[in-house]
Amino acid sequence: MSTNEGASANLTQSAGGYARIAKLIATDRCVVLDGAIGTELIDVSGERPEVEEHLWGIATIVEDPAQVKAVHRRYVDAGCDVLTTDTWGLPTAVRQRKTPLVRGPRPVHWMDVARQGVRLAHRAAEEGGRAGECAIAFSINGDVDTPDGQETIRLLARVFEDDPPDLILMETLSLVRSSTYATVERLLETGLPVWLSFRRCRHGVCGVYGEHWGGPEGDAFGRDARRFEEMGISALLINCIPPDHVPGMVSWLRDFTDLPLGLYPNLGYLSAGGWRSETAIGGAEYAELALGWRAEGAQIVGGCCGVGPGHVAAEREVLEDSKAGNKREVELPSDVGGERRIRDPSGRAVDRRSRPGALPARLP
């Protein structure tokens, strides 16, 4: 068997691991994602990151793999259907040429970090008795949507030859650039299902604290969603925005696409400057919010920064026998465009109408 034939066989086998997820969606059962990894690593280890947040988790994959696997295992035990690998920041490391990721005499190549990330998630599912039941999503951020990103994707396909995930999740995107479609095309060429997730709300591009960039976009993002569907992606999601900016997004997108739609908001944000959250939301309250998203039509529900195994277990329980609704009478945030102010990790007051720090390179 040639190398290409072997890779194709492995990816076909991995696609079989996605079959349960596809069946859940087809039978109107809710797919439950896991929650945050970075904030859980702090809870497990008691240590705060010494490097920028984009790179911290991927270094931990090699420096302390047992801790990463322990976090995955907590989500397995909480009942999630999809485990995401701790590789979100990998494209950033490659882009910044920070590929010797581990301190010490022997540098570790980023492709080996990717392999290790997939293996740790698989082992956590196996040890929890849910191998083949928990799908493994290989997580990457939007830094792969760059001129060098297509080569990174080609090399990732080589990584997946030996121990493939069940799907690829490119998440926390904001803008849809002219290059984004080519990037998605390369991801689809791996032969794995592809999920895309954006920081978006009804008012356009949305930041981690609920701040907004640029002016009204009309139906531009809805048309993008339709194009992604025609290209062949398997699901479209919204992530890492505050829960009060989530309502209305699923029902709005449903006018444009028949793709499975999902939501996994944050409950705060972790950076090298510390953890910041506006409110403390427990598992029961988060589960109630999840029921509301389900009533609006969400087919995939999980959590981002600050959402832990307790939240996932609570939403698993209430969503187990739920059916996706089509509720359209949603309450949008009353403070959008107003004067409500929050504080970033440095303590600086921030207007929610604008992002703290630099604006993106190019607005829609």
Protein backbone atom coordinates (compact mmCIF):
# COMPACT_ATOMS: atom_id res chain seq x y z
CA MET A 1 0.00 0.00 0.00
CA SER A 2 1.38 3.41 -0.93
CA THR A 3 1.73 6.26 1.56
CA ASN A 4 -1.16 8.15 -0.01
CA GLU A 5 -3.37 5.04 0.06
CA GLY A 6 -2.52 4.48 3.72
CA ALA A 7 -3.35 8.09 4.57
CA SER A 8 -6.64 7.81 2.71
CA ALA A 9 -7.52 4.63 4.61
CA ASN A 10 -6.79 6.28 7.97
CA LEU A 11 -8.86 9.34 7.13
CA THR A 12 -11.74 7.13 6.01
CA GLN A 13 -11.55 5.32 9.35
CA SER A 14 -11.55 8.67 11.15
CA ALA A 15 -14.58 9.80 9.16
CA GLY A 16 -16.29 6.76 10.66
CA GLY A 17 -15.63 8.30 14.08
CA TYR A 18 -17.67 11.29 12.94
CA ALA A 19 -20.64 9.08 12.05
CA ARG A 20 -22.12 9.28 15.57
CA ILE A 21 -22.02 13.09 15.48
CA ALA A 22 -23.71 13.16 12.09
CA LYS A 23 -26.38 10.77 13.36
CA LEU A 24 -27.06 12.92 16.44
CA ILE A 25 -27.60 15.94 14.23
CA ALA A 26 -29.73 14.01 11.72
CA THR A 27 -32.00 12.71 14.49
CA ASP A 28 -32.36 16.15 16.14
CA ARG A 29 -30.26 15.26 19.16
CA CYS A 30 -28.03 17.98 20.60
CA VAL A 31 -24.26 17.61 20.14
CA VAL A 32 -22.46 18.74 23.30
CA LEU A 33 -18.99 20.20 22.91
CA ASP A 34 -16.44 20.38 25.70
CA GLY A 35 -15.47 23.63 27.38
CA ALA A 36 -12.29 25.63 27.95
CA ILE A 37 -8.90 23.96 28.27
CA GLY A 38 -6.64 26.85 29.34
CA THR A 39 -8.70 27.89 32.35
CA GLU A 40 -9.06 24.26 33.39
CA LEU A 41 -5.29 23.75 33.21
CA ILE A 42 -4.95 26.51 35.78
CA ASP A 43 -7.48 24.77 38.03
CA VAL A 44 -5.64 21.46 37.71
CA SER A 45 -2.06 22.72 38.03
CA GLY A 46 -2.54 25.93 40.00
CA GLU A 47 -0.09 27.65 37.65
CA ARG A 48 -0.65 30.70 35.48
CA PRO A 49 0.83 30.98 31.98
CA GLU A 50 4.24 32.60 31.68
CA VAL A 51 3.88 33.06 27.92
CA GLU A 52 1.23 34.72 25.80
CA GLU A 53 -2.11 32.96 25.91
CA HIS A 54 -1.91 31.89 22.25
CA LEU A 55 1.11 29.70 22.99
CA TRP A 56 0.62 28.52 26.56
CA GLY A 57 -1.61 25.50 25.94
CA ILE A 58 0.44 24.03 23.13
CA ALA A 59 3.62 24.16 25.22
CA THR A 60 1.77 22.32 27.99
CA ILE A 61 1.02 19.48 25.55
CA VAL A 62 4.71 18.57 25.64
CA GLU A 63 5.83 19.93 29.02
CA ASP A 64 3.00 18.37 31.03
CA PRO A 65 0.89 16.06 28.86
CA ALA A 66 -0.65 14.35 31.89
CA GLN A 67 -2.32 17.61 32.89
CA VAL A 68 -3.74 18.11 29.41
CA LYS A 69 -5.07 14.56 29.33
CA ALA A 70 -6.59 15.07 32.78
CA VAL A 71 -8.55 18.08 31.52
CA HIS A 72 -9.78 16.11 28.50
CA ARG A 73 -10.81 13.28 30.83
CA ARG A 74 -12.89 15.64 32.97
CA TYR A 75 -14.89 16.56 29.89
CA VAL A 76 -15.23 12.91 28.87
CA ASP A 77 -16.70 12.18 32.30
CA ALA A 78 -18.98 15.23 31.99
CA GLY A 79 -20.60 13.61 28.96
CA CYS A 80 -19.43 15.72 26.04
CA ASP A 81 -19.78 14.38 22.50
CA VAL A 82 -16.80 16.28 21.06
CA LEU A 83 -13.34 16.76 22.61
CA THR A 84 -11.24 19.58 21.16
CA THR A 85 -7.46 19.23 21.12
CA ASP A 86 -5.28 21.71 23.00
CA THR A 87 -3.78 22.96 19.73
CA TRP A 88 -5.73 26.19 19.13
CA GLY A 89 -2.59 28.38 19.16
CA LEU A 90 -0.47 26.14 16.94
CA PRO A 91 -0.90 28.26 13.76
CA THR A 92 0.23 31.30 15.79
CA ALA A 93 3.41 29.50 16.86
CA VAL A 94 4.16 28.51 13.27
CA ARG A 95 3.44 32.01 11.99
CA GLN A 96 5.66 33.64 14.62
CA ARG A 97 8.46 31.11 14.02
CA LYS A 98 8.16 29.97 17.64
CA THR A 99 8.17 26.33 16.69
CA PRO A 100 10.80 25.10 19.20
CA LEU A 101 7.99 25.23 21.75
CA VAL A 102 9.55 23.63 24.80
CA ARG A 103 12.24 24.95 27.08
CA GLY A 104 15.16 22.57 27.41
CA PRO A 105 17.98 21.02 25.40
CA ARG A 106 15.78 19.31 22.81
CA PRO A 107 13.39 21.43 20.72
CA VAL A 108 10.09 19.85 19.66
CA HIS A 109 8.76 20.37 16.15
CA TRP A 110 5.24 21.75 15.85
CA MET A 111 4.10 18.72 13.83
CA ASP A 112 5.01 16.46 16.76
CA VAL A 113 3.07 18.77 19.08
CA ALA A 114 0.06 18.37 16.78
CA ARG A 115 0.40 14.58 16.87
CA GLN A 116 0.68 14.61 20.65
CA GLY A 117 -2.40 16.82 20.96
CA VAL A 118 -4.53 14.32 19.03
CA ARG A 119 -3.14 11.33 20.95
CA LEU A 120 -3.86 12.88 24.34
CA ALA A 121 -7.51 13.49 23.42
CA HIS A 122 -7.86 9.95 22.05
CA ARG A 123 -6.31 8.45 25.20
CA ALA A 124 -8.60 10.47 27.47
CA ALA A 125 -11.63 9.12 25.60
CA GLU A 126 -10.26 5.56 25.77
CA GLU A 127 -9.49 5.75 29.48
CA GLY A 128 -12.98 7.14 30.11
CA GLY A 129 -14.51 4.19 28.30
CA ARG A 130 -15.83 6.34 25.46
CA ALA A 131 -13.45 5.61 22.60
CA GLY A 132 -15.34 6.04 19.33
CA GLU A 133 -18.14 7.81 21.19
CA CYS A 134 -16.32 11.09 21.83
CA ALA A 135 -15.30 12.60 18.50
CA ILE A 136 -11.91 14.34 18.47
CA ALA A 137 -11.85 17.82 16.92
CA PHE A 138 -8.43 19.18 15.94
CA SER A 139 -8.56 22.86 16.94
CA ILE A 140 -6.74 25.64 15.05
CA ASN A 141 -7.17 29.39 15.14
CA GLY A 142 -7.49 31.90 12.31
CA ASP A 143 -3.74 32.45 11.99
CA VAL A 144 -3.78 29.54 9.56
CA ASP A 145 -5.64 31.88 7.16
CA THR A 146 -2.38 33.53 6.04
CA PRO A 147 -0.11 33.28 2.97
CA ASP A 148 1.89 30.49 4.66
CA GLY A 149 -1.16 28.80 6.09
CA GLN A 150 -1.88 26.55 3.14
CA GLU A 151 1.52 24.91 3.53
CA THR A 152 0.78 24.46 7.24
CA ILE A 153 -2.47 22.71 6.32
CA ARG A 154 -0.64 20.46 3.83
CA LEU A 155 1.77 19.41 6.57
CA LEU A 156 -1.08 18.85 9.00
CA ALA A 157 -2.54 16.37 6.52
CA ARG A 158 0.73 14.43 6.88
CA VAL A 159 0.36 14.58 10.67
CA PHE A 160 -3.10 13.05 10.38
CA GLU A 161 -1.83 10.05 8.41
CA ASP A 162 -0.85 8.18 11.59
CA ASP A 163 -3.43 9.22 14.20
CA PRO A 164 -6.20 11.30 12.63
CA PRO A 165 -8.81 13.31 14.50
CA ASP A 166 -12.48 12.97 13.58
CA LEU A 167 -12.87 16.54 12.35
CA ILE A 168 -11.06 19.87 12.05
CA LEU A 169 -12.40 22.88 13.95
CA MET A 170 -11.08 26.25 12.77
CA GLU A 171 -12.38 28.55 15.48
CA THR A 172 -12.47 32.08 16.89
CA LEU A 173 -12.40 33.61 13.41
CA SER A 174 -13.60 37.18 12.93
CA LEU A 175 -13.29 38.47 9.37
CA VAL A 176 -14.07 36.59 6.20
CA ARG A 177 -11.15 37.59 3.98
CA SER A 178 -10.70 36.88 0.31
CA SER A 179 -8.17 34.22 1.35
CA THR A 180 -10.55 32.48 3.74
CA TYR A 181 -12.29 30.49 1.04
CA ALA A 182 -8.97 29.10 -0.26
CA THR A 183 -7.99 28.18 3.30
CA VAL A 184 -11.26 26.34 3.83
CA GLU A 185 -10.78 24.56 0.50
CA ARG A 186 -7.37 23.29 1.64
CA LEU A 187 -8.87 22.08 4.93
CA LEU A 188 -11.58 20.19 3.07
CA GLU A 189 -8.93 18.53 0.91
CA THR A 190 -7.66 16.70 4.00
CA GLY A 191 -10.74 14.50 3.70
CA LEU A 192 -11.91 15.31 7.24
CA PRO A 193 -15.17 17.08 8.14
CA VAL A 194 -14.55 20.80 8.73
CA TRP A 195 -16.35 23.01 11.24
CA LEU A 196 -15.91 26.79 11.19
CA SER A 197 -16.56 29.04 14.18
CA PHE A 198 -16.67 32.85 14.29
CA ARG A 199 -16.78 35.62 16.87
CA ARG A 200 -19.98 37.16 15.52
CA CYS A 201 -23.29 38.45 16.80
CA ARG A 202 -26.29 40.10 15.16
CA HIS A 203 -24.41 43.41 15.09
CA GLY A 204 -21.39 42.09 13.17
CA VAL A 205 -17.85 41.28 14.32
CA CYS A 206 -17.87 40.84 18.09
CA GLY A 207 -14.94 40.78 20.50
CA VAL A 208 -14.24 38.64 23.52
CA TYR A 209 -15.77 41.22 25.87
CA GLY A 210 -18.77 41.94 23.61
CA GLU A 211 -17.21 44.98 21.94
CA HIS A 212 -18.02 45.60 18.27
CA TRP A 213 -15.86 46.43 15.27
CA GLY A 214 -16.91 48.36 12.20
CA GLY A 215 -20.36 49.35 11.04
CA PRO A 216 -23.45 47.42 9.94
CA GLU A 217 -22.74 44.58 7.52
CA GLY A 218 -26.24 43.82 6.29
CA ASP A 219 -26.48 40.20 5.19
CA ALA A 220 -22.79 39.84 4.17
CA PHE A 221 -21.99 37.19 6.79
CA GLY A 222 -25.16 35.29 5.98
CA ARG A 223 -24.10 35.12 2.34
CA ASP A 224 -20.67 33.92 3.46
CA ALA A 225 -22.37 31.16 5.46
CA ARG A 226 -24.23 30.05 2.35
CA ARG A 227 -21.02 29.93 0.37
CA PHE A 228 -19.29 27.87 3.06
CA GLU A 229 -22.20 25.42 2.90
CA GLU A 230 -21.85 25.12 -0.87
CA MET A 231 -18.13 24.44 -0.43
CA GLY A 232 -18.90 21.46 1.80
CA ILE A 233 -18.18 22.40 5.43
CA SER A 234 -20.08 20.32 7.97
CA ALA A 235 -21.13 22.91 10.59
CA LEU A 236 -21.00 26.63 11.36
CA LEU A 237 -20.65 27.89 14.92
CA ILE A 238 -20.29 31.05 17.00
CA ASN A 239 -17.77 31.08 19.87
CA CYS A 240 -15.94 33.18 22.46
CA ILE A 241 -18.42 36.02 22.82
CA PRO A 242 -20.39 36.78 26.00
CA PRO A 243 -23.69 34.89 26.46
CA ASP A 244 -25.75 38.08 26.23
CA HIS A 245 -24.58 38.53 22.63
CA VAL A 246 -25.59 35.04 21.54
CA PRO A 247 -29.40 35.42 21.22
CA GLY A 248 -30.69 35.86 17.70
CA MET A 249 -27.64 34.55 15.90
CA VAL A 250 -28.83 31.03 15.13
CA SER A 251 -32.27 32.11 13.91
CA TRP A 252 -30.68 34.82 11.76
CA LEU A 253 -28.20 32.41 10.16
CA ARG A 254 -30.97 29.90 9.50
CA ASP A 255 -32.40 32.29 6.89
CA PHE A 256 -29.22 31.83 4.86
CA THR A 257 -28.02 28.26 5.40
CA ASP A 258 -29.18 24.75 6.20
CA LEU A 259 -25.86 23.87 7.87
CA PRO A 260 -25.88 22.49 11.43
CA LEU A 261 -25.45 25.55 13.66
CA GLY A 262 -23.84 25.78 17.07
CA LEU A 263 -22.92 28.11 19.93
CA TYR A 264 -20.22 28.06 22.59
CA PRO A 265 -19.80 31.44 24.30
CA ASN A 266 -17.29 32.47 26.97
CA LEU A 267 -17.72 33.40 30.62
CA GLY A 268 -14.62 35.59 30.70
CA TYR A 269 -11.17 35.66 29.19
CA LEU A 270 -7.74 34.38 30.20
CA SER A 271 -4.57 36.19 29.17
CA ALA A 272 -1.06 36.68 30.50
CA GLY A 273 -2.56 39.66 32.35
CA GLY A 274 -4.89 37.38 34.30
CA TRP A 275 -8.49 36.21 34.22
CA ARG A 276 -11.33 38.68 33.73
CA SER A 277 -15.02 37.97 33.92
CA GLU A 278 -18.05 40.22 34.25
CA THR A 279 -20.23 37.70 36.00
CA ALA A 280 -20.12 34.33 37.71
CA ILE A 281 -22.45 31.85 36.02
CA GLY A 282 -22.81 28.41 37.56
CA GLY A 283 -23.72 25.14 35.93
CA ALA A 284 -27.47 25.38 36.50
CA GLU A 285 -27.68 28.90 35.10
CA TYR A 286 -25.53 27.98 32.11
CA ALA A 287 -27.79 25.00 31.43
CA GLU A 288 -30.81 27.33 31.40
CA LEU A 289 -29.05 29.54 28.86
CA ALA A 290 -28.25 26.47 26.76
CA LEU A 291 -31.92 25.50 26.72
CA GLY A 292 -32.70 28.95 25.33
CA TRP A 293 -30.13 28.52 22.55
CA ARG A 294 -31.57 25.09 21.81
CA ALA A 295 -35.09 26.57 21.60
CA GLU A 296 -33.76 28.99 18.99
CA GLY A 297 -32.45 26.09 16.92
CA ALA A 298 -28.86 25.43 18.05
CA GLN A 299 -27.81 21.89 17.17
CA ILE A 300 -24.32 22.05 18.74
CA VAL A 301 -23.78 23.59 22.19
CA GLY A 302 -20.66 23.90 24.33
CA GLY A 303 -18.48 26.47 26.01
CA CYS A 304 -15.36 28.56 25.50
CA CYS A 305 -13.18 30.48 28.01
CA GLY A 306 -14.35 29.97 31.59
CA VAL A 307 -16.79 27.16 30.83
CA GLY A 308 -15.73 24.02 32.68
CA PRO A 309 -16.75 20.39 33.15
CA GLY A 310 -19.42 21.37 35.68
CA HIS A 311 -21.13 23.60 33.11
CA VAL A 312 -20.86 20.90 30.44
CA ALA A 313 -22.31 18.23 32.75
CA ALA A 314 -25.24 20.49 33.65
CA GLU A 315 -26.07 21.31 30.04
CA ARG A 316 -25.64 17.64 29.06
CA GLU A 317 -28.37 16.71 31.53
CA VAL A 318 -30.94 19.27 30.37
CA LEU A 319 -30.18 18.94 26.66
CA GLU A 320 -30.17 15.13 26.55
CA ASP A 321 -33.76 14.75 25.31
CA SER A 322 -34.28 18.28 23.96
CA LYS A 323 -35.36 19.09 20.43
CA ALA A 324 -34.08 22.02 18.39
CA GLY A 325 -36.72 24.71 18.16
CA ASN A 326 -37.24 27.60 15.79
CA LYS A 327 -37.90 30.42 18.23
CA ARG A 328 -37.30 33.80 16.63
CA GLU A 329 -38.54 36.17 19.33
CA VAL A 330 -35.18 36.71 21.00
CA GLU A 331 -34.13 39.50 23.31
CA LEU A 332 -31.07 41.29 21.99
CA PRO A 333 -28.58 42.97 24.35
CA SER A 334 -29.98 46.28 25.58
CA ASP A 335 -26.55 47.82 26.13
CA VAL A 336 -25.30 47.53 22.53
CA GLY A 337 -24.12 50.96 21.46
CA GLY A 338 -24.68 52.26 24.99
CA GLU A 339 -22.32 53.51 27.66
CA ARG A 340 -21.86 50.32 29.67
CA ARG A 341 -18.21 49.99 30.56
CA ILE A 342 -16.13 47.04 31.65
CA ARG A 343 -12.53 46.51 32.64
CA ASP A 344 -9.83 44.57 30.83
CA PRO A 345 -7.22 42.49 32.74
CA SER A 346 -5.12 45.59 33.42
CA GLY A 347 -8.05 47.29 35.15
CA ARG A 348 -8.47 49.83 32.35
CA ALA A 349 -12.06 50.83 31.63
CA VAL A 350 -13.21 49.68 28.21
CA ASP A 351 -16.23 50.84 26.22
CA ARG A 352 -18.03 47.78 24.84
CA ARG A 353 -18.49 49.61 21.52
CA SER A 354 -14.78 49.30 20.74
CA ARG A 355 -12.16 46.68 21.25
CA PRO A 356 -9.41 47.23 23.83
CA GLY A 357 -6.10 47.37 21.99
CA ALA A 358 -5.48 47.34 18.30
CA LEU A 359 -8.23 46.95 15.73
CA PRO A 360 -8.02 44.15 13.18
CA ALA A 361 -5.86 44.79 10.15
CA ARG A 362 -8.86 45.10 7.86
CA LEU A 363 -12.51 45.58 8.68
CA PRO A 364 -15.28 44.06 6.55
